[in-house]
Every structure is written in C-alpha cells, then in structure tokens.
Protein backbone atom coordinates (compact mmCIF):
# COMPACT_ATOMS: atom_id res chain seq x y z
CA MET A 1 -144.65 232.21 13.05
CA ARG A 2 -143.40 229.40 15.29
CA ARG A 3 -145.78 226.47 14.82
CA SER A 4 -145.90 222.81 15.84
CA VAL A 5 -145.53 220.90 12.56
CA VAL A 6 -146.21 217.19 12.12
CA LEU A 7 -143.12 215.28 10.96
CA SER A 8 -144.55 211.76 11.10
CA THR A 9 -146.87 209.33 12.81
CA GLY A 10 -146.36 205.80 14.10
CA ALA A 11 -148.53 203.06 15.54
CA TYR A 12 -148.56 199.74 17.30
CA LEU A 13 -151.40 197.26 17.73
CA PRO A 14 -151.11 194.10 19.85
CA GLN A 15 -151.00 190.87 17.88
CA ARG A 16 -154.12 189.32 19.37
CA VAL A 17 -157.35 190.19 17.54
CA VAL A 18 -160.68 189.43 19.20
CA THR A 19 -163.69 189.44 16.90
CA ASN A 20 -167.31 189.96 17.87
CA HIS A 21 -167.91 186.31 17.08
CA GLU A 22 -165.34 185.30 19.69
CA LEU A 23 -166.94 187.57 22.29
CA ALA A 24 -170.30 185.99 21.50
CA THR A 25 -168.96 182.66 22.75
CA GLN A 26 -168.21 184.22 26.15
CA ILE A 27 -171.10 186.63 26.83
CA ASP A 28 -174.71 187.07 25.74
CA THR A 29 -174.17 189.07 22.56
CA SER A 30 -173.76 188.66 18.80
CA ASP A 31 -171.80 190.18 15.97
CA GLU A 32 -175.02 191.66 14.55
CA TRP A 33 -175.97 193.26 17.89
CA ILE A 34 -172.54 194.86 18.37
CA VAL A 35 -172.20 196.11 14.78
CA GLU A 36 -175.70 197.59 14.74
CA ARG A 37 -175.14 199.60 17.93
CA THR A 38 -171.46 200.51 17.64
CA GLY A 39 -170.03 199.66 14.23
CA ILE A 40 -167.26 197.71 15.99
CA ARG A 41 -166.25 194.39 14.40
CA GLN A 42 -163.03 193.55 16.25
CA ARG A 43 -160.46 194.84 18.72
CA HIS A 44 -156.80 194.20 19.57
CA LEU A 45 -155.90 193.04 23.08
CA ALA A 46 -152.49 193.29 24.70
CA ALA A 47 -150.65 190.12 25.68
CA ASN A 48 -150.32 189.36 29.38
CA ASP A 49 -146.68 190.42 29.37
CA GLU A 50 -147.25 193.67 27.44
CA LEU A 51 -147.33 196.98 29.28
CA THR A 52 -148.63 200.35 28.15
CA SER A 53 -145.03 201.55 27.95
CA ASP A 54 -144.27 198.71 25.52
CA LEU A 55 -147.10 199.71 23.21
CA ALA A 56 -146.10 203.37 23.46
CA PHE A 57 -142.43 202.62 22.79
CA HIS A 58 -143.20 200.64 19.61
CA ALA A 59 -145.45 203.44 18.32
CA ALA A 60 -142.84 206.08 19.12
CA ALA A 61 -140.03 204.09 17.49
CA ASP A 62 -142.20 203.71 14.38
CA ALA A 63 -142.78 207.48 14.19
CA ILE A 64 -139.06 208.17 14.64
CA ALA A 65 -138.12 205.67 11.92
CA ARG A 66 -140.66 207.12 9.48
CA ALA A 67 -139.31 210.63 10.08
CA GLY A 68 -135.73 209.43 9.59
CA ILE A 69 -134.42 211.32 12.61
CA ASP A 70 -132.19 210.51 15.57
CA ALA A 71 -134.19 209.80 18.73
CA GLN A 72 -131.68 211.99 20.60
CA SER A 73 -133.10 215.03 18.82
CA VAL A 74 -136.40 214.59 20.69
CA ASP A 75 -136.50 216.71 23.85
CA LEU A 76 -140.08 216.12 25.02
CA VAL A 77 -142.09 212.90 25.43
CA VAL A 78 -145.72 213.06 26.52
CA VAL A 79 -147.85 209.94 26.94
CA ALA A 80 -151.61 210.42 27.07
CA THR A 81 -153.01 207.45 28.97
CA ALA A 82 -155.57 206.44 31.56
CA THR A 83 -153.91 203.03 31.97
CA PRO A 84 -150.28 203.69 32.95
CA ASP A 85 -147.87 200.90 33.83
CA ASP A 86 -147.59 202.03 37.44
CA THR A 87 -148.80 204.73 39.78
CA LEU A 88 -145.26 206.06 39.45
CA PRO A 89 -142.97 206.65 37.69
CA ALA A 90 -144.68 208.16 34.68
CA THR A 91 -145.03 205.80 31.73
CA ALA A 92 -143.50 208.52 29.53
CA THR A 93 -140.21 208.30 31.43
CA LYS A 94 -140.07 204.58 30.68
CA VAL A 95 -140.64 205.30 26.98
CA GLN A 96 -137.98 208.00 27.07
CA HIS A 97 -135.52 205.51 28.59
CA LYS A 98 -136.36 202.75 26.09
CA LEU A 99 -135.72 205.20 23.26
CA GLY A 100 -132.32 206.01 24.76
CA ILE A 101 -133.16 209.68 25.33
CA LYS A 102 -131.33 211.12 28.34
CA HIS A 103 -132.30 214.79 28.18
CA GLY A 104 -135.39 216.96 28.02
CA ALA A 105 -138.64 216.11 29.81
CA ALA A 106 -141.17 213.29 29.88
CA PHE A 107 -144.55 213.11 31.60
CA ASP A 108 -147.98 211.49 31.43
CA LEU A 109 -151.31 213.21 30.90
CA ASN A 110 -154.67 211.70 31.86
CA ALA A 111 -157.77 213.12 30.22
CA ALA A 112 -159.11 209.66 29.28
CA CYS A 113 -160.45 209.57 25.71
CA SER A 114 -159.64 213.28 25.27
CA GLY A 115 -156.06 212.65 26.29
CA PHE A 116 -154.43 212.98 22.89
CA VAL A 117 -156.18 216.30 22.16
CA TYR A 118 -155.21 217.58 25.62
CA ALA A 119 -151.62 216.45 25.03
CA LEU A 120 -151.47 218.18 21.64
CA SER A 121 -152.69 221.41 23.23
CA VAL A 122 -150.10 221.27 26.01
CA VAL A 123 -147.22 220.26 23.74
CA ASP A 124 -148.15 222.90 21.16
CA ALA A 125 -147.85 225.57 23.85
CA MET A 126 -144.46 224.22 24.94
CA LEU A 127 -143.11 224.12 21.40
CA LYS A 128 -144.38 227.60 20.56
CA THR A 129 -142.76 229.09 23.66
CA GLY A 130 -139.44 227.36 23.04
CA GLN A 131 -139.52 224.99 26.02
CA ALA A 132 -138.90 222.17 23.53
CA ASN A 133 -138.10 221.82 19.85
CA ARG A 134 -139.09 218.25 18.99
CA ALA A 135 -141.79 216.32 20.79
CA LEU A 136 -143.34 212.88 20.75
CA VAL A 137 -147.03 212.91 21.62
CA ILE A 138 -148.23 209.36 22.26
CA GLY A 139 -151.66 207.96 23.00
CA ALA A 140 -151.35 204.51 24.57
CA GLU A 141 -153.93 202.39 26.37
CA ILE A 142 -154.54 198.88 27.68
CA PHE A 143 -158.21 199.26 28.58
CA SER A 144 -158.64 195.49 28.59
CA ARG A 145 -157.11 195.58 32.11
CA ILE A 146 -159.93 197.76 33.53
CA ILE A 147 -162.87 196.12 31.75
CA ASP A 148 -165.43 193.78 33.32
CA TRP A 149 -165.47 191.08 30.67
CA LYS A 150 -168.86 189.87 31.89
CA ASP A 151 -170.49 193.27 31.28
CA ARG A 152 -171.64 193.27 27.68
CA THR A 153 -172.48 196.98 27.76
CA THR A 154 -168.81 197.93 28.15
CA CYS A 155 -166.55 195.01 27.24
CA ILE A 156 -167.62 195.09 23.58
CA LEU A 157 -166.55 198.73 23.21
CA PHE A 158 -162.86 198.86 24.02
CA GLY A 159 -159.53 197.72 22.61
CA ASP A 160 -155.81 198.22 23.24
CA GLY A 161 -153.26 200.05 21.14
CA ALA A 162 -150.89 202.99 20.80
CA ALA A 163 -150.01 205.64 18.26
CA ALA A 164 -147.53 208.50 18.20
CA MET A 165 -147.13 211.83 16.49
CA LEU A 166 -143.75 213.49 16.09
CA LEU A 167 -143.92 217.29 16.16
CA GLU A 168 -141.27 219.91 15.48
CA ALA A 169 -141.28 223.66 16.11
CA ARG A 170 -140.77 225.46 12.81
CA GLU A 171 -141.23 228.93 11.39
CA GLU A 172 -144.40 228.36 9.37
CA ASN A 173 -147.32 230.46 8.20
CA HIS A 174 -149.68 227.66 7.25
CA ARG A 175 -148.71 224.12 8.34
CA GLY A 176 -148.95 222.73 11.86
CA ILE A 177 -151.35 223.02 14.78
CA LEU A 178 -153.50 226.07 14.10
CA ALA A 179 -155.69 226.04 17.21
CA SER A 180 -156.89 223.87 20.06
CA ARG A 181 -159.64 224.11 22.63
CA ILE A 182 -159.90 221.91 25.73
CA TYR A 183 -162.64 221.81 28.36
CA SER A 184 -163.83 219.82 31.37
CA ASP A 185 -166.78 219.56 33.75
CA GLY A 186 -166.26 217.33 36.78
CA ALA A 187 -169.97 217.35 37.61
CA PHE A 188 -170.36 214.45 35.20
CA GLY A 189 -167.41 212.41 36.47
CA SER A 190 -169.46 209.48 37.75
CA MET A 191 -171.01 208.84 34.34
CA LEU A 192 -167.80 207.37 32.96
CA ALA A 193 -165.45 206.12 35.65
CA THR A 194 -163.73 203.20 37.35
CA ASN A 195 -164.61 202.02 40.83
CA GLY A 196 -160.98 202.04 41.96
CA GLY A 197 -158.02 204.26 42.63
CA VAL A 198 -154.85 204.64 44.69
CA ALA A 199 -156.36 206.91 47.34
CA SER A 200 -159.85 205.43 47.35
CA ASN A 201 -159.31 201.66 47.62
CA GLN A 202 -155.83 200.92 46.24
CA LYS A 203 -157.30 199.06 43.26
CA ALA A 204 -157.41 199.85 39.57
CA GLY A 205 -161.14 199.08 39.49
CA VAL A 206 -163.29 198.35 36.46
CA LEU A 207 -165.02 200.74 34.09
CA SER A 208 -168.68 201.67 34.23
CA MET A 209 -170.52 204.00 31.88
CA ALA A 210 -173.88 205.73 31.60
CA GLY A 211 -174.05 205.14 27.87
CA LYS A 212 -176.97 207.39 26.96
CA GLU A 213 -175.59 210.37 28.88
CA VAL A 214 -172.12 209.92 27.42
CA PHE A 215 -173.60 209.75 23.92
CA ARG A 216 -175.73 212.87 24.49
CA HIS A 217 -172.80 214.94 25.70
CA ALA A 218 -170.40 213.64 23.03
CA VAL A 219 -172.60 214.57 20.08
CA SER A 220 -173.01 218.06 21.56
CA LYS A 221 -169.60 218.90 23.00
CA MET A 222 -167.41 217.57 20.19
CA PRO A 223 -169.00 219.76 17.48
CA GLU A 224 -168.99 222.77 19.83
CA ALA A 225 -165.27 222.38 20.47
CA THR A 226 -164.63 221.98 16.74
CA LEU A 227 -166.48 225.20 15.94
CA ALA A 228 -164.60 227.04 18.69
CA SER A 229 -161.21 225.95 17.37
CA LEU A 230 -162.22 226.90 13.84
CA ALA A 231 -163.25 230.36 15.03
CA ASP A 232 -159.89 230.79 16.77
CA ALA A 233 -158.15 230.03 13.48
CA GLY A 234 -160.47 232.27 11.45
CA LEU A 235 -161.86 229.30 9.53
CA THR A 236 -165.22 227.59 9.01
CA THR A 237 -166.46 224.04 8.53
CA ALA A 238 -166.25 224.62 4.77
CA ASP A 239 -162.45 224.70 5.13
CA ILE A 240 -162.25 221.24 6.73
CA ASP A 241 -160.84 218.44 4.57
CA TRP A 242 -161.05 215.69 7.19
CA VAL A 243 -162.60 215.15 10.60
CA VAL A 244 -160.67 212.59 12.63
CA PRO A 245 -162.71 212.27 15.82
CA HIS A 246 -162.28 210.12 18.88
CA GLN A 247 -163.30 206.65 17.76
CA ALA A 248 -165.99 205.73 20.30
CA ASN A 249 -168.61 204.27 17.99
CA LEU A 250 -169.89 204.91 14.49
CA ARG A 251 -173.16 206.44 15.67
CA ILE A 252 -171.31 209.17 17.55
CA LEU A 253 -169.05 209.81 14.56
CA ALA A 254 -172.03 210.11 12.23
CA SER A 255 -173.85 212.47 14.62
CA VAL A 256 -170.79 214.72 14.97
CA GLY A 257 -170.52 214.91 11.18
CA GLU A 258 -174.19 215.80 10.87
CA LYS A 259 -173.94 218.51 13.53
CA LEU A 260 -171.04 220.05 11.61
CA GLY A 261 -172.90 219.77 8.31
CA LEU A 262 -170.19 217.60 6.78
CA PRO A 263 -170.67 214.56 4.54
CA SER A 264 -169.69 211.14 5.81
CA GLU A 265 -166.93 211.05 3.18
CA LYS A 266 -165.00 213.60 5.25
CA LEU A 267 -165.05 211.45 8.40
CA ILE A 268 -162.18 209.05 9.02
CA ALA A 269 -163.35 206.01 10.96
CA THR A 270 -161.20 203.18 12.27
CA VAL A 271 -163.49 202.10 15.11
CA PRO A 272 -164.68 198.97 13.22
CA GLN A 273 -161.11 197.58 13.28
CA HIS A 274 -159.76 199.02 16.55
CA ALA A 275 -162.84 199.60 18.77
CA ASN A 276 -162.45 202.40 21.33
CA THR A 277 -158.78 202.73 22.24
CA SER A 278 -159.34 205.85 24.36
CA ALA A 279 -156.37 208.26 24.10
CA ALA A 280 -154.88 206.17 21.29
CA SER A 281 -157.92 206.35 19.02
CA ILE A 282 -157.30 209.68 17.27
CA PRO A 283 -153.58 209.15 16.60
CA LEU A 284 -154.30 205.59 15.39
CA ALA A 285 -156.88 206.95 12.94
CA LEU A 286 -154.49 209.70 11.82
CA HIS A 287 -151.75 207.13 11.25
CA VAL A 288 -154.02 204.89 9.19
CA ALA A 289 -155.15 207.81 7.02
CA ALA A 290 -151.59 209.12 6.67
CA THR A 291 -150.16 205.79 5.58
CA ASP A 292 -152.96 204.95 3.14
CA GLY A 293 -152.55 208.33 1.42
CA ARG A 294 -155.77 210.05 2.39
CA LEU A 295 -154.01 212.80 4.35
CA LYS A 296 -152.18 215.14 2.02
CA PRO A 297 -149.98 218.19 2.68
CA GLY A 298 -151.97 221.37 3.18
CA GLN A 299 -155.20 219.67 4.19
CA LEU A 300 -157.10 220.94 7.23
CA ILE A 301 -157.89 218.29 9.84
CA ALA A 302 -160.18 218.63 12.86
CA CYS A 303 -159.72 216.21 15.76
CA PRO A 304 -162.54 216.46 18.32
CA ALA A 305 -162.78 214.18 21.34
CA MET A 306 -164.71 213.60 24.56
CA GLY A 307 -163.86 211.41 27.51
CA ALA A 308 -164.22 210.71 31.21
CA GLY A 309 -164.16 213.71 33.45
CA PHE A 310 -166.09 214.82 31.45
CA THR A 311 -163.26 216.19 29.31
CA TRP A 312 -163.57 217.31 25.71
CA GLY A 313 -161.88 219.43 23.10
CA CYS A 314 -160.65 219.75 19.53
CA ALA A 315 -157.26 220.19 17.89
CA LEU A 316 -157.11 221.80 14.45
CA LEU A 317 -154.07 221.17 12.30
CA ARG A 318 -152.81 221.74 8.78
CA TRP A 319 -151.10 218.58 7.51
C-alpha cells in the first residue's frame, strides 16, 4: 500500500527568549498568573529582520540534513502558516528557492492552528495518488507580528517558530499516515480572528480571541476528530502510544487527554517552552519528542488540533 512515511523532522526557534517575568515588566501580569492559567513559562520571538520564510527554511534544511538526502529529491513544499511573508508570492515558493529546488510544486495553506494537520492531510493525498514522491510539510509562524502587546489576554499566549516534517511515498503496510480528518465551521470565525486583511482594510490587523468559547470548542472537537481518525484506521484509543496535540495551553491538553481516557504520561507537551506557535506547534512538539528518543518506530501517534475558522482535525500516523 502506498503510504506517506516520515523520514525526518527539523525545527528552528528564534534566538530571543521572552520569559513571563520579562512580560510582567511590560504589562499587568505575573509569572504565577500565566503559568496557572496556561502552563506557559516562555516563548521565542523572531528578530526584526527575520521572516516566516527564514524560519521555515531553517526548519526544512534541518529536516533534510537529518534525513541525509539531496534537497533536489523533494518535489513538493507546503508551508502551513497564518503569517506569511507577503500577500504574494506564497512563502513556500521562497522556501523552495532558498533550498535550491527548481522543480515540483510549492504552496501555502492557511488553517491557522490546524494548519499542520490540514497540510498533512492534503500532502498525504498527493503522495498516495502519485502527484509527488517526497514532500516537506512545514509549520511556520511569526504571531508576534499580529499580537497586541498591551492585551494581556492574548500576548502571553503566543510565540514564534517553525518545524518541518519530511515525508516520502513508500509501499508500506504499517508505517506512515494511517488516517486524517479535517473539519471547519465558519459560523465561529469571529471568535478567533484578526481585525485586518487585504480586502477589508489593507492591514494585517491584530488578534482577538473569545477565550472561553475557543476553550469549549477545542476540548470537544479535538477528541471527536481523534476518535474519527481512529475509526477510519480500525483502531481505538487503547492503540495510541502518544498524543501530540496543538500546543495551545496545558489546560486544553489535559482536557483532551481526559476526554480520550488517556493518562497524562501519553501527552507530549512543549507549550511551557514554546507557547502557542499556531501551525508550528505540533511539528515542533513532534521534533522535540523525536530527538529526545520518546518517539520510537512502530508507535501510533495522534495529532489533533483546532484553530481559527473554526478549523479542526486530527492526523494519525505510525512512526
């Protein structure tokens, strides 16, 4: 069976680290208040001269180096991002160019915090049908550029970063992406949105969020999508080795685990170190767990997410 198999992961985090203590010198908050409500302790912020394509390129180059392959063998580059360099061209084409790839296809995908799961679903379909053979799926965000740094309800939550996954189409019976489910409901779009856009006011805008509503939907939709993807693969929660969810905050992660009936030991959490990096959060967490040895060949990993739109979904893969 032709499956999308993971060859490697890669990551890049900006050098600047901003702790809760530093934020507390700028807004009315404290380390204790942030940790209690979110679990976040610090976040990385991009330098003024860093673009999303820069972060994505470094993550992609890392994944390519770890796989030990020639970048020219990659024929598809997809960047999941809500914070592209420009309105056009696509950030993915910039990454493709920086990697020296002159063939195949490259495009961006915007599903906000669900972006990486959406991208995996799309790329998996393309690899299975032979439209590509090797693909880079990259989550890359610079949310610090669309944050109101005087709004303590949102500015404490987000960070910048990028991570990549290198996938290859192989004849496999067990390894690779086993199933994915993606959903959306635009009726809730205003609950997590920016107040800007090309067609609306020609501004990027800043982010606003109805926190309680987002939380309520996340702890419901993410487990539902996980169960749906498991059913598609003929598996149950008992088969899951790791849940690597979108890293929004620790309370959401814990609630998702409880809804699935899984112990906290099966949840991989990097939100204390990275904060919410939107489309980059799941691949960053996967990269951390892969490099520290927690992810082992043959293990079943569920990656649920929810983001603005509302969008949500889950990718199920065998490492």
